[in-house]
Amino acid sequence: MVTLTLSDEQVIELVKQLPVGQQVEVFRFLLLQQWGKWESLSRYGAEKARLVAQEKGFDWNMMTEEERDAFIDDVVHED
């Protein structure tokens, strides 16, 4: 089997030339390859958010989505 070496830019240009259905398949393939890492990072982030909320006297599980967003915004921007 012959191996073809392409730059990142060349690969992207080739993918752009594919029909939309095949682009979706490439996207799905790449997404599934990284899904485990994303899932792990998501669980880690959620656990850290719960811990920080608890440290500040809040119950993450009882907060609405809007309250969570505001809480995270406050934590990110606190001095």
PDB file of N, CA and C in Angstrom:
ATOM      1  N   MET A   1       0.837  -1.179   0.000  1.00  0.00           N
ATOM      2  CA  MET A   1       0.000   0.000   0.000  1.00  0.00           C
ATOM      3  C   MET A   1       0.882   1.242   0.000  1.00  0.00           C
ATOM      4  N   VAL A   2       0.545   2.175  -0.836  1.00  0.00           N
ATOM      5  CA  VAL A   2       1.303   3.414  -0.955  1.00  0.00           C
ATOM      6  C   VAL A   2       0.760   4.426   0.046  1.00  0.00           C
ATOM      7  N   THR A   3       1.649   5.159   0.704  1.00  0.00           N
ATOM      8  CA  THR A   3       1.250   6.196   1.647  1.00  0.00           C
ATOM      9  C   THR A   3       1.452   7.548   0.986  1.00  0.00           C
ATOM     10  N   LEU A   4       0.406   8.360   1.034  1.00  0.00           N
ATOM     11  CA  LEU A   4       0.450   9.699   0.472  1.00  0.00           C
ATOM     12  C   LEU A   4       0.551  10.681   1.628  1.00  0.00           C
ATOM     13  N   THR A   5       1.532  11.568   1.586  1.00  0.00           N
ATOM     14  CA  THR A   5       1.703  12.555   2.637  1.00  0.00           C
ATOM     15  C   THR A   5       1.169  13.896   2.152  1.00  0.00           C
ATOM     16  N   LEU A   6       0.199  14.426   2.905  1.00  0.00           N
ATOM     17  CA  LEU A   6      -0.415  15.703   2.562  1.00  0.00           C
ATOM     18  C   LEU A   6      -0.316  16.651   3.746  1.00  0.00           C
ATOM     19  N   SER A   7      -0.273  17.931   3.450  1.00  0.00           N
ATOM     20  CA  SER A   7      -0.302  18.928   4.524  1.00  0.00           C
ATOM     21  C   SER A   7      -1.733  19.038   5.044  1.00  0.00           C
ATOM     22  N   ASP A   8      -1.879  19.642   6.202  1.00  0.00           N
ATOM     23  CA  ASP A   8      -3.218  19.857   6.763  1.00  0.00           C
ATOM     24  C   ASP A   8      -4.086  20.655   5.790  1.00  0.00           C
ATOM     25  N   GLU A   9      -3.494  21.667   5.195  1.00  0.00           N
ATOM     26  CA  GLU A   9      -4.238  22.515   4.260  1.00  0.00           C
ATOM     27  C   GLU A   9      -4.716  21.708   3.055  1.00  0.00           C
ATOM     28  N   GLN A  10      -3.882  20.805   2.566  1.00  0.00           N
ATOM     29  CA  GLN A  10      -4.266  19.986   1.416  1.00  0.00           C
ATOM     30  C   GLN A  10      -5.427  19.050   1.781  1.00  0.00           C
ATOM     31  N   VAL A  11      -5.370  18.482   2.965  1.00  0.00           N
ATOM     32  CA  VAL A  11      -6.453  17.598   3.404  1.00  0.00           C
ATOM     33  C   VAL A  11      -7.752  18.383   3.505  1.00  0.00           C
ATOM     34  N   ILE A  12      -7.692  19.559   4.082  1.00  0.00           N
ATOM     35  CA  ILE A  12      -8.890  20.387   4.221  1.00  0.00           C
ATOM     36  C   ILE A  12      -9.447  20.743   2.851  1.00  0.00           C
ATOM     37  N   GLU A  13      -8.591  21.097   1.920  1.00  0.00           N
ATOM     38  CA  GLU A  13      -9.053  21.435   0.569  1.00  0.00           C
ATOM     39  C   GLU A  13      -9.695  20.225  -0.109  1.00  0.00           C
ATOM     40  N   LEU A  14      -9.145  19.042   0.109  1.00  0.00           N
ATOM     41  CA  LEU A  14      -9.752  17.832  -0.453  1.00  0.00           C
ATOM     42  C   LEU A  14     -11.131  17.569   0.146  1.00  0.00           C
ATOM     43  N   VAL A  15     -11.248  17.745   1.444  1.00  0.00           N
ATOM     44  CA  VAL A  15     -12.540  17.529   2.105  1.00  0.00           C
ATOM     45  C   VAL A  15     -13.566  18.534   1.586  1.00  0.00           C
ATOM     46  N   LYS A  16     -13.148  19.765   1.367  1.00  0.00           N
ATOM     47  CA  LYS A  16     -14.057  20.790   0.835  1.00  0.00           C
ATOM     48  C   LYS A  16     -14.605  20.404  -0.536  1.00  0.00           C
ATOM     49  N   GLN A  17     -13.855  19.612  -1.275  1.00  0.00           N
ATOM     50  CA  GLN A  17     -14.276  19.208  -2.619  1.00  0.00           C
ATOM     51  C   GLN A  17     -15.268  18.038  -2.588  1.00  0.00           C
ATOM     52  N   LEU A  18     -15.412  17.393  -1.445  1.00  0.00           N
ATOM     53  CA  LEU A  18     -16.330  16.264  -1.336  1.00  0.00           C
ATOM     54  C   LEU A  18     -17.773  16.749  -1.358  1.00  0.00           C
ATOM     55  N   PRO A  19     -18.680  15.900  -1.841  1.00  0.00           N
ATOM     56  CA  PRO A  19     -20.100  16.225  -1.718  1.00  0.00           C
ATOM     57  C   PRO A  19     -20.472  16.320  -0.238  1.00  0.00           C
ATOM     58  N   VAL A  20     -21.515  17.062   0.071  1.00  0.00           N
ATOM     59  CA  VAL A  20     -21.915  17.314   1.454  1.00  0.00           C
ATOM     60  C   VAL A  20     -22.088  16.011   2.239  1.00  0.00           C
ATOM     61  N   GLY A  21     -22.703  15.005   1.647  1.00  0.00           N
ATOM     62  CA  GLY A  21     -22.904  13.737   2.348  1.00  0.00           C
ATOM     63  C   GLY A  21     -21.598  13.105   2.786  1.00  0.00           C
ATOM     64  N   GLN A  22     -20.600  13.166   1.947  1.00  0.00           N
ATOM     65  CA  GLN A  22     -19.296  12.602   2.306  1.00  0.00           C
ATOM     66  C   GLN A  22     -18.576  13.481   3.326  1.00  0.00           C
ATOM     67  N   GLN A  23     -18.783  14.791   3.256  1.00  0.00           N
ATOM     68  CA  GLN A  23     -18.222  15.674   4.283  1.00  0.00           C
ATOM     69  C   GLN A  23     -18.816  15.324   5.651  1.00  0.00           C
ATOM     70  N   VAL A  24     -20.103  15.024   5.672  1.00  0.00           N
ATOM     71  CA  VAL A  24     -20.765  14.635   6.918  1.00  0.00           C
ATOM     72  C   VAL A  24     -20.146  13.347   7.453  1.00  0.00           C
ATOM     73  N   GLU A  25     -19.860  12.403   6.575  1.00  0.00           N
ATOM     74  CA  GLU A  25     -19.236  11.145   7.004  1.00  0.00           C
ATOM     75  C   GLU A  25     -17.848  11.390   7.584  1.00  0.00           C
ATOM     76  N   VAL A  26     -17.074  12.270   6.972  1.00  0.00           N
ATOM     77  CA  VAL A  26     -15.740  12.615   7.493  1.00  0.00           C
ATOM     78  C   VAL A  26     -15.885  13.259   8.867  1.00  0.00           C
ATOM     79  N   PHE A  27     -16.840  14.180   8.976  1.00  0.00           N
ATOM     80  CA  PHE A  27     -17.085  14.847  10.256  1.00  0.00           C
ATOM     81  C   PHE A  27     -17.476  13.832  11.323  1.00  0.00           C
ATOM     82  N   ARG A  28     -18.379  12.934  10.991  1.00  0.00           N
ATOM     83  CA  ARG A  28     -18.831  11.906  11.938  1.00  0.00           C
ATOM     84  C   ARG A  28     -17.649  11.045  12.388  1.00  0.00           C
ATOM     85  N   PHE A  29     -16.823  10.651  11.448  1.00  0.00           N
ATOM     86  CA  PHE A  29     -15.645   9.838  11.762  1.00  0.00           C
ATOM     87  C   PHE A  29     -14.727  10.571  12.746  1.00  0.00           C
ATOM     88  N   LEU A  30     -14.433  11.839  12.466  1.00  0.00           N
ATOM     89  CA  LEU A  30     -13.547  12.613  13.334  1.00  0.00           C
ATOM     90  C   LEU A  30     -14.178  12.851  14.702  1.00  0.00           C
ATOM     91  N   LEU A  31     -15.464  13.125  14.720  1.00  0.00           N
ATOM     92  CA  LEU A  31     -16.164  13.342  15.982  1.00  0.00           C
ATOM     93  C   LEU A  31     -16.127  12.095  16.852  1.00  0.00           C
ATOM     94  N   LEU A  32     -16.415  10.952  16.264  1.00  0.00           N
ATOM     95  CA  LEU A  32     -16.425   9.706  17.032  1.00  0.00           C
ATOM     96  C   LEU A  32     -15.043   9.348  17.567  1.00  0.00           C
ATOM     97  N   GLN A  33     -14.001   9.721  16.830  1.00  0.00           N
ATOM     98  CA  GLN A  33     -12.642   9.453  17.307  1.00  0.00           C
ATOM     99  C   GLN A  33     -12.331  10.227  18.578  1.00  0.00           C
ATOM    100  N   GLN A  34     -12.901  11.412  18.725  1.00  0.00           N
ATOM    101  CA  GLN A  34     -12.595  12.267  19.870  1.00  0.00           C
ATOM    102  C   GLN A  34     -13.652  12.194  20.968  1.00  0.00           C
ATOM    103  N   TRP A  35     -14.735  11.461  20.736  1.00  0.00           N
ATOM    104  CA  TRP A  35     -15.858  11.460  21.663  1.00  0.00           C
ATOM    105  C   TRP A  35     -15.468  11.056  23.085  1.00  0.00           C
ATOM    106  N   GLY A  36     -14.642  10.048  23.247  1.00  0.00           N
ATOM    107  CA  GLY A  36     -14.229   9.600  24.580  1.00  0.00           C
ATOM    108  C   GLY A  36     -13.513  10.698  25.349  1.00  0.00           C
ATOM    109  N   LYS A  37     -12.638  11.430  24.677  1.00  0.00           N
ATOM    110  CA  LYS A  37     -11.925  12.529  25.339  1.00  0.00           C
ATOM    111  C   LYS A  37     -12.901  13.631  25.740  1.00  0.00           C
ATOM    112  N   TRP A  38     -13.839  13.952  24.836  1.00  0.00           N
ATOM    113  CA  TRP A  38     -14.819  14.988  25.127  1.00  0.00           C
ATOM    114  C   TRP A  38     -15.697  14.581  26.315  1.00  0.00           C
ATOM    115  N   GLU A  39     -16.124  13.336  26.329  1.00  0.00           N
ATOM    116  CA  GLU A  39     -16.977  12.847  27.404  1.00  0.00           C
ATOM    117  C   GLU A  39     -16.246  12.907  28.752  1.00  0.00           C
ATOM    118  N   SER A  40     -14.990  12.515  28.755  1.00  0.00           N
ATOM    119  CA  SER A  40     -14.183  12.552  29.970  1.00  0.00           C
ATOM    120  C   SER A  40     -13.999  13.988  30.465  1.00  0.00           C
ATOM    121  N   LEU A  41     -13.685  14.894  29.566  1.00  0.00           N
ATOM    122  CA  LEU A  41     -13.502  16.303  29.924  1.00  0.00           C
ATOM    123  C   LEU A  41     -14.809  16.903  30.428  1.00  0.00           C
ATOM    124  N   SER A  42     -15.899  16.523  29.824  1.00  0.00           N
ATOM    125  CA  SER A  42     -17.210  17.022  30.235  1.00  0.00           C
ATOM    126  C   SER A  42     -17.546  16.568  31.659  1.00  0.00           C
ATOM    127  N   ARG A  43     -17.308  15.304  31.952  1.00  0.00           N
ATOM    128  CA  ARG A  43     -17.551  14.790  33.307  1.00  0.00           C
ATOM    129  C   ARG A  43     -16.663  15.494  34.329  1.00  0.00           C
ATOM    130  N   TYR A  44     -15.402  15.695  33.984  1.00  0.00           N
ATOM    131  CA  TYR A  44     -14.458  16.381  34.867  1.00  0.00           C
ATOM    132  C   TYR A  44     -14.937  17.802  35.151  1.00  0.00           C
ATOM    133  N   GLY A  45     -15.336  18.518  34.110  1.00  0.00           N
ATOM    134  CA  GLY A  45     -15.804  19.897  34.270  1.00  0.00           C
ATOM    135  C   GLY A  45     -17.057  19.980  35.118  1.00  0.00           C
ATOM    136  N   ALA A  46     -17.990  19.067  34.896  1.00  0.00           N
ATOM    137  CA  ALA A  46     -19.228  19.063  35.674  1.00  0.00           C
ATOM    138  C   ALA A  46     -18.943  18.805  37.148  1.00  0.00           C
ATOM    139  N   GLU A  47     -18.046  17.887  37.437  1.00  0.00           N
ATOM    140  CA  GLU A  47     -17.699  17.582  38.821  1.00  0.00           C
ATOM    141  C   GLU A  47     -17.017  18.781  39.483  1.00  0.00           C
ATOM    142  N   LYS A  48     -16.122  19.436  38.771  1.00  0.00           N
ATOM    143  CA  LYS A  48     -15.451  20.619  39.329  1.00  0.00           C
ATOM    144  C   LYS A  48     -16.451  21.736  39.575  1.00  0.00           C
ATOM    145  N   ALA A  49     -17.414  21.926  38.668  1.00  0.00           N
ATOM    146  CA  ALA A  49     -18.440  22.958  38.856  1.00  0.00           C
ATOM    147  C   ALA A  49     -19.263  22.657  40.107  1.00  0.00           C
ATOM    148  N   ARG A  50     -19.617  21.391  40.315  1.00  0.00           N
ATOM    149  CA  ARG A  50     -20.378  21.003  41.515  1.00  0.00           C
ATOM    150  C   ARG A  50     -19.575  21.310  42.792  1.00  0.00           C
ATOM    151  N   LEU A  51     -18.280  20.985  42.755  1.00  0.00           N
ATOM    152  CA  LEU A  51     -17.437  21.216  43.935  1.00  0.00           C
ATOM    153  C   LEU A  51     -17.296  22.707  44.250  1.00  0.00           C
ATOM    154  N   VAL A  52     -17.060  23.512  43.226  1.00  0.00           N
ATOM    155  CA  VAL A  52     -16.911  24.958  43.437  1.00  0.00           C
ATOM    156  C   VAL A  52     -18.226  25.546  43.933  1.00  0.00           C
ATOM    157  N   ALA A  53     -19.338  25.107  43.356  1.00  0.00           N
ATOM    158  CA  ALA A  53     -20.649  25.587  43.811  1.00  0.00           C
ATOM    159  C   ALA A  53     -20.852  25.237  45.285  1.00  0.00           C
ATOM    160  N   GLN A  54     -20.517  24.011  45.653  1.00  0.00           N
ATOM    161  CA  GLN A  54     -20.668  23.578  47.046  1.00  0.00           C
ATOM    162  C   GLN A  54     -19.794  24.421  47.972  1.00  0.00           C
ATOM    163  N   GLU A  55     -18.563  24.694  47.550  1.00  0.00           N
ATOM    164  CA  GLU A  55     -17.651  25.515  48.356  1.00  0.00           C
ATOM    165  C   GLU A  55     -18.214  26.916  48.583  1.00  0.00           C
ATOM    166  N   LYS A  56     -19.004  27.398  47.634  1.00  0.00           N
ATOM    167  CA  LYS A  56     -19.572  28.744  47.723  1.00  0.00           C
ATOM    168  C   LYS A  56     -21.002  28.733  48.261  1.00  0.00           C
ATOM    169  N   GLY A  57     -21.442  27.560  48.773  1.00  0.00           N
ATOM    170  CA  GLY A  57     -22.736  27.473  49.421  1.00  0.00           C
ATOM    171  C   GLY A  57     -23.923  27.239  48.504  1.00  0.00           C
ATOM    172  N   PHE A  58     -23.680  26.767  47.287  1.00  0.00           N
ATOM    173  CA  PHE A  58     -24.758  26.497  46.336  1.00  0.00           C
ATOM    174  C   PHE A  58     -24.888  25.002  46.088  1.00  0.00           C
ATOM    175  N   ASP A  59     -26.079  24.580  45.699  1.00  0.00           N
ATOM    176  CA  ASP A  59     -26.324  23.193  45.314  1.00  0.00           C
ATOM    177  C   ASP A  59     -26.499  23.157  43.798  1.00  0.00           C
ATOM    178  N   TRP A  60     -25.481  22.714  43.109  1.00  0.00           N
ATOM    179  CA  TRP A  60     -25.465  22.694  41.645  1.00  0.00           C
ATOM    180  C   TRP A  60     -26.687  21.969  41.081  1.00  0.00           C
ATOM    181  N   ASN A  61     -27.053  20.869  41.704  1.00  0.00           N
ATOM    182  CA  ASN A  61     -28.155  20.063  41.204  1.00  0.00           C
ATOM    183  C   ASN A  61     -29.506  20.763  41.328  1.00  0.00           C
ATOM    184  N   MET A  62     -29.628  21.706  42.244  1.00  0.00           N
ATOM    185  CA  MET A  62     -30.891  22.425  42.445  1.00  0.00           C
ATOM    186  C   MET A  62     -30.946  23.716  41.634  1.00  0.00           C
ATOM    187  N   MET A  63     -29.833  24.117  41.024  1.00  0.00           N
ATOM    188  CA  MET A  63     -29.787  25.367  40.264  1.00  0.00           C
ATOM    189  C   MET A  63     -30.423  25.187  38.891  1.00  0.00           C
ATOM    190  N   THR A  64     -31.086  26.246  38.420  1.00  0.00           N
ATOM    191  CA  THR A  64     -31.613  26.231  37.055  1.00  0.00           C
ATOM    192  C   THR A  64     -30.451  26.432  36.084  1.00  0.00           C
ATOM    193  N   GLU A  65     -30.712  26.208  34.819  1.00  0.00           N
ATOM    194  CA  GLU A  65     -29.668  26.412  33.798  1.00  0.00           C
ATOM    195  C   GLU A  65     -29.192  27.868  33.797  1.00  0.00           C
ATOM    196  N   GLU A  66     -30.132  28.796  33.976  1.00  0.00           N
ATOM    197  CA  GLU A  66     -29.774  30.220  34.014  1.00  0.00           C
ATOM    198  C   GLU A  66     -28.911  30.543  35.231  1.00  0.00           C
ATOM    199  N   GLU A  67     -29.248  29.948  36.376  1.00  0.00           N
ATOM    200  CA  GLU A  67     -28.450  30.156  37.585  1.00  0.00           C
ATOM    201  C   GLU A  67     -27.053  29.570  37.424  1.00  0.00           C
ATOM    202  N   ARG A  68     -26.970  28.425  36.781  1.00  0.00           N
ATOM    203  CA  ARG A  68     -25.654  27.820  36.539  1.00  0.00           C
ATOM    204  C   ARG A  68     -24.808  28.710  35.642  1.00  0.00           C
ATOM    205  N   ASP A  69     -25.422  29.209  34.572  1.00  0.00           N
ATOM    206  CA  ASP A  69     -24.698  30.097  33.650  1.00  0.00           C
ATOM    207  C   ASP A  69     -24.194  31.339  34.382  1.00  0.00           C
ATOM    208  N   ALA A  70     -25.054  31.947  35.201  1.00  0.00           N
ATOM    209  CA  ALA A  70     -24.669  33.140  35.955  1.00  0.00           C
ATOM    210  C   ALA A  70     -23.566  32.807  36.959  1.00  0.00           C
ATOM    211  N   PHE A  71     -23.678  31.664  37.617  1.00  0.00           N
ATOM    212  CA  PHE A  71     -22.665  31.234  38.591  1.00  0.00           C
ATOM    213  C   PHE A  71     -21.314  31.066  37.911  1.00  0.00           C
ATOM    214  N   ILE A  72     -21.293  30.362  36.793  1.00  0.00           N
ATOM    215  CA  ILE A  72     -20.040  30.146  36.063  1.00  0.00           C
ATOM    216  C   ILE A  72     -19.457  31.480  35.608  1.00  0.00           C
ATOM    217  N   ASP A  73     -20.307  32.378  35.106  1.00  0.00           N
ATOM    218  CA  ASP A  73     -19.844  33.690  34.682  1.00  0.00           C
ATOM    219  C   ASP A  73     -19.213  34.436  35.847  1.00  0.00           C
ATOM    220  N   ASP A  74     -19.847  34.373  37.014  1.00  0.00           N
ATOM    221  CA  ASP A  74     -19.296  35.031  38.204  1.00  0.00           C
ATOM    222  C   ASP A  74     -17.952  34.435  38.590  1.00  0.00           C
ATOM    223  N   VAL A  75     -17.843  33.121  38.587  1.00  0.00           N
ATOM    224  CA  VAL A  75     -16.595  32.454  38.972  1.00  0.00           C
ATOM    225  C   VAL A  75     -15.469  32.789  37.999  1.00  0.00           C
ATOM    226  N   VAL A  76     -15.785  32.780  36.718  1.00  0.00           N
ATOM    227  CA  VAL A  76     -14.765  33.061  35.697  1.00  0.00           C
ATOM    228  C   VAL A  76     -14.261  34.496  35.802  1.00  0.00           C
ATOM    229  N   HIS A  77     -15.154  35.411  36.156  1.00  0.00           N
ATOM    230  CA  HIS A  77     -14.769  36.831  36.161  1.00  0.00           C
ATOM    231  C   HIS A  77     -14.458  37.390  37.552  1.00  0.00           C
ATOM    232  N   GLU A  78     -14.418  36.541  38.567  1.00  0.00           N
ATOM    233  CA  GLU A  78     -14.098  37.072  39.901  1.00  0.00           C
ATOM    234  C   GLU A  78     -12.626  37.412  39.988  1.00  0.00           C
ATOM    235  N   ASP A  79     -12.322  38.401  40.823  1.00  0.00           N
ATOM    236  CA  ASP A  79     -10.923  38.866  40.961  1.00  0.00           C
ATOM    237  C   ASP A  79     -10.163  38.060  41.951  1.00  0.00           C
TER     238      ASP A  79
END
